[in-house]
């Protein structure tokens, strides 16, 4: 028997719970993108904060893609420092040079 030396934030959690978290993160990221596309950056940022929290735990590729799209819509277009800081925190926006 081999023992793992690493630990997951979801270790011991029912697999279905992690699926639900991942799906919720994706749905929230998509909602944030929808708000951003409808020129509601404040709502987008509020929702994105929750999506980012879930993304930090699940590392979902689909959620990451949605959040990256959000960065393309808001952070670059609006030049908002609060959004850019949030995106940098999760590695979705490069640090300024």
PDB file of N, CA and C in Angstrom:
ATOM      1  N   UNK A   1       0.846  -1.181   0.000  1.00  0.00           N
ATOM      2  CA  UNK A   1       0.000   0.000   0.000  1.00  0.00           C
ATOM      3  C   UNK A   1       0.888   1.240   0.000  1.00  0.00           C
ATOM      4  N   UNK A   2       0.579   2.173  -0.903  1.00  0.00           N
ATOM      5  CA  UNK A   2       1.324   3.417  -0.998  1.00  0.00           C
ATOM      6  C   UNK A   2       0.541   4.543  -0.349  1.00  0.00           C
ATOM      7  N   UNK A   3       1.242   5.388   0.366  1.00  0.00           N
ATOM      8  CA  UNK A   3       0.603   6.540   0.986  1.00  0.00           C
ATOM      9  C   UNK A   3       0.979   7.791   0.226  1.00  0.00           C
ATOM     10  N   UNK A   4       0.006   8.665   0.069  1.00  0.00           N
ATOM     11  CA  UNK A   4       0.270   9.944  -0.581  1.00  0.00           C
ATOM     12  C   UNK A   4       0.804  10.922   0.445  1.00  0.00           C
ATOM     13  N   UNK A   5       1.731  11.756  -0.003  1.00  0.00           N
ATOM     14  CA  UNK A   5       2.296  12.743   0.907  1.00  0.00           C
ATOM     15  C   UNK A   5       1.698  14.122   0.692  1.00  0.00           C
ATOM     16  N   UNK A   6       0.887  14.260  -0.332  1.00  0.00           N
ATOM     17  CA  UNK A   6       0.253  15.561  -0.575  1.00  0.00           C
ATOM     18  C   UNK A   6      -1.166  15.553  -0.040  1.00  0.00           C
ATOM     19  N   UNK A   7      -1.702  16.723   0.071  1.00  0.00           N
ATOM     20  CA  UNK A   7      -3.044  16.875   0.634  1.00  0.00           C
ATOM     21  C   UNK A   7      -3.870  17.761  -0.290  1.00  0.00           C
ATOM     22  N   UNK A   8      -5.101  17.409  -0.491  1.00  0.00           N
ATOM     23  CA  UNK A   8      -6.010  18.173  -1.328  1.00  0.00           C
ATOM     24  C   UNK A   8      -7.017  18.894  -0.443  1.00  0.00           C
ATOM     25  N   UNK A   9      -7.459  20.103  -0.844  1.00  0.00           N
ATOM     26  CA  UNK A   9      -8.488  20.780  -0.051  1.00  0.00           C
ATOM     27  C   UNK A   9      -9.801  20.003  -0.035  1.00  0.00           C
ATOM     28  N   UNK A  10      -9.957  19.067  -0.981  1.00  0.00           N
ATOM     29  CA  UNK A  10     -11.186  18.292  -1.058  1.00  0.00           C
ATOM     30  C   UNK A  10     -11.001  16.863  -0.547  1.00  0.00           C
ATOM     31  N   UNK A  11      -9.875  16.572   0.082  1.00  0.00           N
ATOM     32  CA  UNK A  11      -9.641  15.229   0.580  1.00  0.00           C
ATOM     33  C   UNK A  11     -10.697  14.854   1.617  1.00  0.00           C
ATOM     34  N   UNK A  12     -11.300  13.726   1.427  1.00  0.00           N
ATOM     35  CA  UNK A  12     -12.334  13.269   2.344  1.00  0.00           C
ATOM     36  C   UNK A  12     -13.712  13.810   2.030  1.00  0.00           C
ATOM     37  N   UNK A  13     -13.807  14.690   1.038  1.00  0.00           N
ATOM     38  CA  UNK A  13     -15.092  15.260   0.649  1.00  0.00           C
ATOM     39  C   UNK A  13     -15.700  14.363  -0.423  1.00  0.00           C
ATOM     40  N   UNK A  14     -16.982  14.177  -0.356  1.00  0.00           N
ATOM     41  CA  UNK A  14     -17.675  13.355  -1.345  1.00  0.00           C
ATOM     42  C   UNK A  14     -17.406  13.921  -2.742  1.00  0.00           C
ATOM     43  N   UNK A  15     -17.053  13.071  -3.723  1.00  0.00           N
ATOM     44  CA  UNK A  15     -16.737  13.564  -5.072  1.00  0.00           C
ATOM     45  C   UNK A  15     -17.824  14.435  -5.680  1.00  0.00           C
ATOM     46  N   UNK A  16     -19.073  14.141  -5.374  1.00  0.00           N
ATOM     47  CA  UNK A  16     -20.175  14.933  -5.922  1.00  0.00           C
ATOM     48  C   UNK A  16     -20.131  16.376  -5.409  1.00  0.00           C
ATOM     49  N   UNK A  17     -19.647  16.579  -4.196  1.00  0.00           N
ATOM     50  CA  UNK A  17     -19.556  17.931  -3.645  1.00  0.00           C
ATOM     51  C   UNK A  17     -18.552  18.759  -4.434  1.00  0.00           C
ATOM     52  N   UNK A  18     -17.430  18.150  -4.835  1.00  0.00           N
ATOM     53  CA  UNK A  18     -16.453  18.902  -5.613  1.00  0.00           C
ATOM     54  C   UNK A  18     -17.001  19.209  -7.001  1.00  0.00           C
ATOM     55  N   UNK A  19     -17.772  18.284  -7.587  1.00  0.00           N
ATOM     56  CA  UNK A  19     -18.400  18.545  -8.880  1.00  0.00           C
ATOM     57  C   UNK A  19     -19.351  19.731  -8.778  1.00  0.00           C
ATOM     58  N   UNK A  20     -20.115  19.791  -7.696  1.00  0.00           N
ATOM     59  CA  UNK A  20     -21.052  20.899  -7.505  1.00  0.00           C
ATOM     60  C   UNK A  20     -20.304  22.211  -7.338  1.00  0.00           C
ATOM     61  N   UNK A  21     -19.212  22.196  -6.610  1.00  0.00           N
ATOM     62  CA  UNK A  21     -18.410  23.408  -6.434  1.00  0.00           C
ATOM     63  C   UNK A  21     -17.855  23.875  -7.771  1.00  0.00           C
ATOM     64  N   UNK A  22     -17.329  22.929  -8.527  1.00  0.00           N
ATOM     65  CA  UNK A  22     -16.768  23.273  -9.836  1.00  0.00           C
ATOM     66  C   UNK A  22     -17.844  23.859 -10.745  1.00  0.00           C
ATOM     67  N   UNK A  23     -19.028  23.246 -10.755  1.00  0.00           N
ATOM     68  CA  UNK A  23     -20.128  23.736 -11.586  1.00  0.00           C
ATOM     69  C   UNK A  23     -20.602  25.109 -11.132  1.00  0.00           C
ATOM     70  N   UNK A  24     -20.653  25.319  -9.830  1.00  0.00           N
ATOM     71  CA  UNK A  24     -21.058  26.628  -9.309  1.00  0.00           C
ATOM     72  C   UNK A  24     -20.038  27.691  -9.702  1.00  0.00           C
ATOM     73  N   UNK A  25     -18.771  27.374  -9.590  1.00  0.00           N
ATOM     74  CA  UNK A  25     -17.727  28.322  -9.990  1.00  0.00           C
ATOM     75  C   UNK A  25     -17.841  28.705 -11.454  1.00  0.00           C
ATOM     76  N   UNK A  26     -18.103  27.706 -12.297  1.00  0.00           N
ATOM     77  CA  UNK A  26     -18.261  27.960 -13.727  1.00  0.00           C
ATOM     78  C   UNK A  26     -19.486  28.838 -13.988  1.00  0.00           C
ATOM     79  N   UNK A  27     -20.595  28.514 -13.347  1.00  0.00           N
ATOM     80  CA  UNK A  27     -21.822  29.303 -13.542  1.00  0.00           C
ATOM     81  C   UNK A  27     -21.624  30.755 -13.097  1.00  0.00           C
ATOM     82  N   UNK A  28     -20.957  30.942 -11.976  1.00  0.00           N
ATOM     83  CA  UNK A  28     -20.705  32.305 -11.493  1.00  0.00           C
ATOM     84  C   UNK A  28     -19.767  33.058 -12.435  1.00  0.00           C
ATOM     85  N   UNK A  29     -18.760  32.372 -12.949  1.00  0.00           N
ATOM     86  CA  UNK A  29     -17.841  33.014 -13.893  1.00  0.00           C
ATOM     87  C   UNK A  29     -18.592  33.434 -15.158  1.00  0.00           C
ATOM     88  N   UNK A  30     -19.479  32.576 -15.631  1.00  0.00           N
ATOM     89  CA  UNK A  30     -20.271  32.916 -16.817  1.00  0.00           C
ATOM     90  C   UNK A  30     -21.211  34.087 -16.553  1.00  0.00           C
ATOM     91  N   UNK A  31     -21.772  34.124 -15.356  1.00  0.00           N
ATOM     92  CA  UNK A  31     -22.632  35.249 -14.987  1.00  0.00           C
ATOM     93  C   UNK A  31     -21.820  36.539 -14.940  1.00  0.00           C
ATOM     94  N   UNK A  32     -20.623  36.470 -14.403  1.00  0.00           N
ATOM     95  CA  UNK A  32     -19.753  37.655 -14.351  1.00  0.00           C
ATOM     96  C   UNK A  32     -19.442  38.156 -15.762  1.00  0.00           C
ATOM     97  N   UNK A  33     -19.174  37.229 -16.675  1.00  0.00           N
ATOM     98  CA  UNK A  33     -18.910  37.613 -18.062  1.00  0.00           C
ATOM     99  C   UNK A  33     -20.149  38.264 -18.676  1.00  0.00           C
ATOM    100  N   UNK A  34     -21.317  37.709 -18.395  1.00  0.00           N
ATOM    101  CA  UNK A  34     -22.556  38.294 -18.929  1.00  0.00           C
ATOM    102  C   UNK A  34     -22.754  39.716 -18.420  1.00  0.00           C
ATOM    103  N   UNK A  35     -22.512  39.922 -17.130  1.00  0.00           N
ATOM    104  CA  UNK A  35     -22.610  41.284 -16.586  1.00  0.00           C
ATOM    105  C   UNK A  35     -21.614  42.210 -17.284  1.00  0.00           C
ATOM    106  N   UNK A  36     -20.404  41.733 -17.474  1.00  0.00           N
ATOM    107  CA  UNK A  36     -19.384  42.566 -18.111  1.00  0.00           C
ATOM    108  C   UNK A  36     -19.770  42.921 -19.540  1.00  0.00           C
ATOM    109  N   UNK A  37     -20.300  41.957 -20.260  1.00  0.00           N
ATOM    110  CA  UNK A  37     -20.716  42.209 -21.650  1.00  0.00           C
ATOM    111  C   UNK A  37     -21.884  43.178 -21.728  1.00  0.00           C
ATOM    112  N   UNK A  38     -22.664  43.250 -20.660  1.00  0.00           N
ATOM    113  CA  UNK A  38     -23.793  44.184 -20.608  1.00  0.00           C
ATOM    114  C   UNK A  38     -23.421  45.481 -19.904  1.00  0.00           C
ATOM    115  N   UNK A  39     -22.120  45.743 -19.869  1.00  0.00           N
ATOM    116  CA  UNK A  39     -21.578  46.990 -19.323  1.00  0.00           C
ATOM    117  C   UNK A  39     -22.010  47.242 -17.885  1.00  0.00           C
ATOM    118  N   UNK A  40     -21.926  46.204 -17.071  1.00  0.00           N
ATOM    119  CA  UNK A  40     -22.204  46.304 -15.645  1.00  0.00           C
ATOM    120  C   UNK A  40     -20.988  45.778 -14.879  1.00  0.00           C
ATOM    121  N   UNK A  41     -19.861  46.496 -14.960  1.00  0.00           N
ATOM    122  CA  UNK A  41     -18.615  45.982 -14.376  1.00  0.00           C
ATOM    123  C   UNK A  41     -18.663  45.792 -12.865  1.00  0.00           C
ATOM    124  N   UNK A  42     -19.426  46.606 -12.158  1.00  0.00           N
ATOM    125  CA  UNK A  42     -19.495  46.447 -10.703  1.00  0.00           C
ATOM    126  C   UNK A  42     -20.179  45.136 -10.317  1.00  0.00           C
ATOM    127  N   UNK A  43     -21.262  44.803 -11.008  1.00  0.00           N
ATOM    128  CA  UNK A  43     -21.932  43.527 -10.760  1.00  0.00           C
ATOM    129  C   UNK A  43     -21.015  42.369 -11.165  1.00  0.00           C
ATOM    130  N   UNK A  44     -20.335  42.539 -12.286  1.00  0.00           N
ATOM    131  CA  UNK A  44     -19.415  41.499 -12.758  1.00  0.00           C
ATOM    132  C   UNK A  44     -18.338  41.225 -11.720  1.00  0.00           C
ATOM    133  N   UNK A  45     -17.799  42.267 -11.144  1.00  0.00           N
ATOM    134  CA  UNK A  45     -16.742  42.107 -10.148  1.00  0.00           C
ATOM    135  C   UNK A  45     -17.261  41.435  -8.882  1.00  0.00           C
ATOM    136  N   UNK A  46     -18.454  41.808  -8.445  1.00  0.00           N
ATOM    137  CA  UNK A  46     -19.036  41.184  -7.250  1.00  0.00           C
ATOM    138  C   UNK A  46     -19.202  39.679  -7.437  1.00  0.00           C
ATOM    139  N   UNK A  47     -19.733  39.285  -8.576  1.00  0.00           N
ATOM    140  CA  UNK A  47     -19.942  37.863  -8.856  1.00  0.00           C
ATOM    141  C   UNK A  47     -18.601  37.164  -9.075  1.00  0.00           C
ATOM    142  N   UNK A  48     -17.691  37.835  -9.767  1.00  0.00           N
ATOM    143  CA  UNK A  48     -16.386  37.237 -10.062  1.00  0.00           C
ATOM    144  C   UNK A  48     -15.607  36.908  -8.793  1.00  0.00           C
ATOM    145  N   UNK A  49     -15.747  37.705  -7.769  1.00  0.00           N
ATOM    146  CA  UNK A  49     -15.036  37.417  -6.506  1.00  0.00           C
ATOM    147  C   UNK A  49     -15.413  36.029  -5.975  1.00  0.00           C
ATOM    148  N   UNK A  50     -16.678  35.688  -6.061  1.00  0.00           N
ATOM    149  CA  UNK A  50     -17.121  34.364  -5.606  1.00  0.00           C
ATOM    150  C   UNK A  50     -16.596  33.272  -6.540  1.00  0.00           C
ATOM    151  N   UNK A  51     -16.630  33.544  -7.836  1.00  0.00           N
ATOM    152  CA  UNK A  51     -16.117  32.568  -8.799  1.00  0.00           C
ATOM    153  C   UNK A  51     -14.628  32.336  -8.588  1.00  0.00           C
ATOM    154  N   UNK A  52     -13.891  33.409  -8.288  1.00  0.00           N
ATOM    155  CA  UNK A  52     -12.453  33.275  -8.042  1.00  0.00           C
ATOM    156  C   UNK A  52     -12.169  32.442  -6.798  1.00  0.00           C
ATOM    157  N   UNK A  53     -12.972  32.610  -5.767  1.00  0.00           N
ATOM    158  CA  UNK A  53     -12.771  31.812  -4.550  1.00  0.00           C
ATOM    159  C   UNK A  53     -12.936  30.329  -4.857  1.00  0.00           C
ATOM    160  N   UNK A  54     -13.960  30.001  -5.603  1.00  0.00           N
ATOM    161  CA  UNK A  54     -14.188  28.594  -5.960  1.00  0.00           C
ATOM    162  C   UNK A  54     -13.098  28.109  -6.905  1.00  0.00           C
ATOM    163  N   UNK A  55     -12.715  28.936  -7.861  1.00  0.00           N
ATOM    164  CA  UNK A  55     -11.658  28.571  -8.802  1.00  0.00           C
ATOM    165  C   UNK A  55     -10.355  28.259  -8.073  1.00  0.00           C
ATOM    166  N   UNK A  56     -10.055  29.006  -7.034  1.00  0.00           N
ATOM    167  CA  UNK A  56      -8.809  28.774  -6.303  1.00  0.00           C
ATOM    168  C   UNK A  56      -8.783  27.389  -5.661  1.00  0.00           C
ATOM    169  N   UNK A  57      -9.953  26.826  -5.400  1.00  0.00           N
ATOM    170  CA  UNK A  57     -10.034  25.492  -4.808  1.00  0.00           C
ATOM    171  C   UNK A  57     -10.128  24.395  -5.866  1.00  0.00           C
ATOM    172  N   UNK A  58     -10.858  24.658  -6.950  1.00  0.00           N
ATOM    173  CA  UNK A  58     -11.122  23.606  -7.932  1.00  0.00           C
ATOM    174  C   UNK A  58     -10.140  23.602  -9.101  1.00  0.00           C
ATOM    175  N   UNK A  59      -9.592  24.762  -9.435  1.00  0.00           N
ATOM    176  CA  UNK A  59      -8.680  24.901 -10.579  1.00  0.00           C
ATOM    177  C   UNK A  59      -9.307  24.390 -11.881  1.00  0.00           C
ATOM    178  N   UNK A  60     -10.591  24.649 -12.047  1.00  0.00           N
ATOM    179  CA  UNK A  60     -11.312  24.205 -13.241  1.00  0.00           C
ATOM    180  C   UNK A  60     -10.821  24.956 -14.481  1.00  0.00           C
ATOM    181  N   UNK A  61     -10.488  24.207 -15.515  1.00  0.00           N
ATOM    182  CA  UNK A  61     -10.013  24.817 -16.760  1.00  0.00           C
ATOM    183  C   UNK A  61     -11.103  25.649 -17.429  1.00  0.00           C
ATOM    184  N   UNK A  62     -12.349  25.169 -17.379  1.00  0.00           N
ATOM    185  CA  UNK A  62     -13.450  25.923 -17.994  1.00  0.00           C
ATOM    186  C   UNK A  62     -13.717  27.221 -17.244  1.00  0.00           C
ATOM    187  N   UNK A  63     -13.647  27.166 -15.916  1.00  0.00           N
ATOM    188  CA  UNK A  63     -13.837  28.386 -15.130  1.00  0.00           C
ATOM    189  C   UNK A  63     -12.715  29.364 -15.407  1.00  0.00           C
ATOM    190  N   UNK A  64     -11.497  28.853 -15.486  1.00  0.00           N
ATOM    191  CA  UNK A  64     -10.341  29.705 -15.790  1.00  0.00           C
ATOM    192  C   UNK A  64     -10.539  30.411 -17.131  1.00  0.00           C
ATOM    193  N   UNK A  65     -11.035  29.698 -18.127  1.00  0.00           N
ATOM    194  CA  UNK A  65     -11.263  30.294 -19.448  1.00  0.00           C
ATOM    195  C   UNK A  65     -12.298  31.422 -19.372  1.00  0.00           C
ATOM    196  N   UNK A  66     -13.356  31.203 -18.609  1.00  0.00           N
ATOM    197  CA  UNK A  66     -14.377  32.249 -18.453  1.00  0.00           C
ATOM    198  C   UNK A  66     -13.804  33.469 -17.723  1.00  0.00           C
ATOM    199  N   UNK A  67     -13.021  33.212 -16.685  1.00  0.00           N
ATOM    200  CA  UNK A  67     -12.435  34.321 -15.933  1.00  0.00           C
ATOM    201  C   UNK A  67     -11.410  35.075 -16.769  1.00  0.00           C
ATOM    202  N   UNK A  68     -10.712  34.359 -17.639  1.00  0.00           N
ATOM    203  CA  UNK A  68      -9.772  35.019 -18.546  1.00  0.00           C
ATOM    204  C   UNK A  68     -10.545  35.901 -19.529  1.00  0.00           C
ATOM    205  N   UNK A  69     -11.679  35.412 -20.011  1.00  0.00           N
ATOM    206  CA  UNK A  69     -12.517  36.235 -20.895  1.00  0.00           C
ATOM    207  C   UNK A  69     -12.978  37.489 -20.160  1.00  0.00           C
ATOM    208  N   UNK A  70     -13.340  37.323 -18.899  1.00  0.00           N
ATOM    209  CA  UNK A  70     -13.738  38.470 -18.087  1.00  0.00           C
ATOM    210  C   UNK A  70     -12.607  39.488 -18.020  1.00  0.00           C
ATOM    211  N   UNK A  71     -11.388  39.008 -17.854  1.00  0.00           N
ATOM    212  CA  UNK A  71     -10.248  39.927 -17.786  1.00  0.00           C
ATOM    213  C   UNK A  71     -10.084  40.688 -19.094  1.00  0.00           C
ATOM    214  N   UNK A  72     -10.332  40.011 -20.208  1.00  0.00           N
ATOM    215  CA  UNK A  72     -10.224  40.681 -21.507  1.00  0.00           C
ATOM    216  C   UNK A  72     -11.290  41.760 -21.671  1.00  0.00           C
ATOM    217  N   UNK A  73     -12.461  41.527 -21.112  1.00  0.00           N
ATOM    218  CA  UNK A  73     -13.567  42.476 -21.251  1.00  0.00           C
ATOM    219  C   UNK A  73     -13.405  43.671 -20.313  1.00  0.00           C
ATOM    220  N   UNK A  74     -13.181  43.392 -19.029  1.00  0.00           N
ATOM    221  CA  UNK A  74     -13.195  44.462 -18.029  1.00  0.00           C
ATOM    222  C   UNK A  74     -11.835  45.106 -17.798  1.00  0.00           C
ATOM    223  N   UNK A  75     -10.885  44.326 -17.391  1.00  0.00           N
ATOM    224  CA  UNK A  75      -9.613  44.886 -16.925  1.00  0.00           C
ATOM    225  C   UNK A  75      -8.906  45.688 -17.992  1.00  0.00           C
ATOM    226  N   UNK A  76      -8.867  45.169 -19.181  1.00  0.00           N
ATOM    227  CA  UNK A  76      -8.166  45.862 -20.244  1.00  0.00           C
ATOM    228  C   UNK A  76      -9.009  47.019 -20.771  1.00  0.00           C
ATOM    229  N   UNK A  77     -10.279  46.752 -21.029  1.00  0.00           N
ATOM    230  CA  UNK A  77     -11.147  47.775 -21.589  1.00  0.00           C
ATOM    231  C   UNK A  77     -11.417  48.935 -20.652  1.00  0.00           C
ATOM    232  N   UNK A  78     -11.600  48.648 -19.398  1.00  0.00           N
ATOM    233  CA  UNK A  78     -11.956  49.678 -18.432  1.00  0.00           C
ATOM    234  C   UNK A  78     -10.731  50.244 -17.714  1.00  0.00           C
ATOM    235  N   UNK A  79      -9.639  49.473 -17.691  1.00  0.00           N
ATOM    236  CA  UNK A  79      -8.453  49.916 -16.973  1.00  0.00           C
ATOM    237  C   UNK A  79      -8.675  49.999 -15.475  1.00  0.00           C
ATOM    238  N   UNK A  80      -9.568  49.186 -14.938  1.00  0.00           N
ATOM    239  CA  UNK A  80      -9.907  49.247 -13.517  1.00  0.00           C
ATOM    240  C   UNK A  80      -8.862  48.531 -12.681  1.00  0.00           C
ATOM    241  N   UNK A  81      -8.293  49.258 -11.757  1.00  0.00           N
ATOM    242  CA  UNK A  81      -7.256  48.693 -10.894  1.00  0.00           C
ATOM    243  C   UNK A  81      -7.796  47.600  -9.979  1.00  0.00           C
ATOM    244  N   UNK A  82      -9.040  47.729  -9.487  1.00  0.00           N
ATOM    245  CA  UNK A  82      -9.584  46.710  -8.584  1.00  0.00           C
ATOM    246  C   UNK A  82      -9.745  45.376  -9.295  1.00  0.00           C
ATOM    247  N   UNK A  83     -10.172  45.429 -10.550  1.00  0.00           N
ATOM    248  CA  UNK A  83     -10.336  44.207 -11.329  1.00  0.00           C
ATOM    249  C   UNK A  83      -8.968  43.633 -11.670  1.00  0.00           C
ATOM    250  N   UNK A  84      -8.049  44.479 -12.087  1.00  0.00           N
ATOM    251  CA  UNK A  84      -6.721  44.010 -12.444  1.00  0.00           C
ATOM    252  C   UNK A  84      -6.026  43.347 -11.253  1.00  0.00           C
ATOM    253  N   UNK A  85      -6.185  43.910 -10.061  1.00  0.00           N
ATOM    254  CA  UNK A  85      -5.574  43.318  -8.865  1.00  0.00           C
ATOM    255  C   UNK A  85      -6.155  41.935  -8.584  1.00  0.00           C
ATOM    256  N   UNK A  86      -7.470  41.801  -8.736  1.00  0.00           N
ATOM    257  CA  UNK A  86      -8.116  40.514  -8.514  1.00  0.00           C
ATOM    258  C   UNK A  86      -7.622  39.480  -9.521  1.00  0.00           C
ATOM    259  N   UNK A  87      -7.519  39.873 -10.770  1.00  0.00           N
ATOM    260  CA  UNK A  87      -7.055  38.961 -11.810  1.00  0.00           C
ATOM    261  C   UNK A  87      -5.597  38.561 -11.592  1.00  0.00           C
ATOM    262  N   UNK A  88      -4.777  39.498 -11.161  1.00  0.00           N
ATOM    263  CA  UNK A  88      -3.378  39.184 -10.863  1.00  0.00           C
ATOM    264  C   UNK A  88      -3.261  38.184  -9.727  1.00  0.00           C
ATOM    265  N   UNK A  89      -4.114  38.326  -8.725  1.00  0.00           N
ATOM    266  CA  UNK A  89      -4.091  37.426  -7.570  1.00  0.00           C
ATOM    267  C   UNK A  89      -4.220  35.977  -8.008  1.00  0.00           C
ATOM    268  N   UNK A  90      -5.030  35.728  -9.011  1.00  0.00           N
ATOM    269  CA  UNK A  90      -5.276  34.364  -9.470  1.00  0.00           C
ATOM    270  C   UNK A  90      -4.499  34.015 -10.738  1.00  0.00           C
ATOM    271  N   UNK A  91      -3.518  34.848 -11.091  1.00  0.00           N
ATOM    272  CA  UNK A  91      -2.660  34.540 -12.221  1.00  0.00           C
ATOM    273  C   UNK A  91      -3.315  34.674 -13.576  1.00  0.00           C
ATOM    274  N   UNK A  92      -4.372  35.446 -13.654  1.00  0.00           N
ATOM    275  CA  UNK A  92      -5.074  35.610 -14.920  1.00  0.00           C
ATOM    276  C   UNK A  92      -4.703  36.912 -15.633  1.00  0.00           C
ATOM    277  N   UNK A  93      -3.828  37.670 -15.029  1.00  0.00           N
ATOM    278  CA  UNK A  93      -3.371  38.908 -15.638  1.00  0.00           C
ATOM    279  C   UNK A  93      -1.914  39.093 -15.232  1.00  0.00           C
ATOM    280  N   UNK A  94      -1.081  39.375 -16.185  1.00  0.00           N
ATOM    281  CA  UNK A  94       0.340  39.545 -15.889  1.00  0.00           C
ATOM    282  C   UNK A  94       0.566  40.805 -15.074  1.00  0.00           C
ATOM    283  N   UNK A  95       1.576  40.748 -14.226  1.00  0.00           N
ATOM    284  CA  UNK A  95       1.944  41.935 -13.455  1.00  0.00           C
ATOM    285  C   UNK A  95       2.488  42.984 -14.409  1.00  0.00           C
ATOM    286  N   UNK A  96       2.245  44.249 -14.116  1.00  0.00           N
ATOM    287  CA  UNK A  96       2.741  45.305 -15.017  1.00  0.00           C
ATOM    288  C   UNK A  96       4.264  45.335 -14.977  1.00  0.00           C
ATOM    289  N   UNK A  97       4.851  45.736 -16.098  1.00  0.00           N
ATOM    290  CA  UNK A  97       6.311  45.795 -16.161  1.00  0.00           C
ATOM    291  C   UNK A  97       6.807  47.175 -15.877  1.00  0.00           C
TER     292      UNK A  97
END
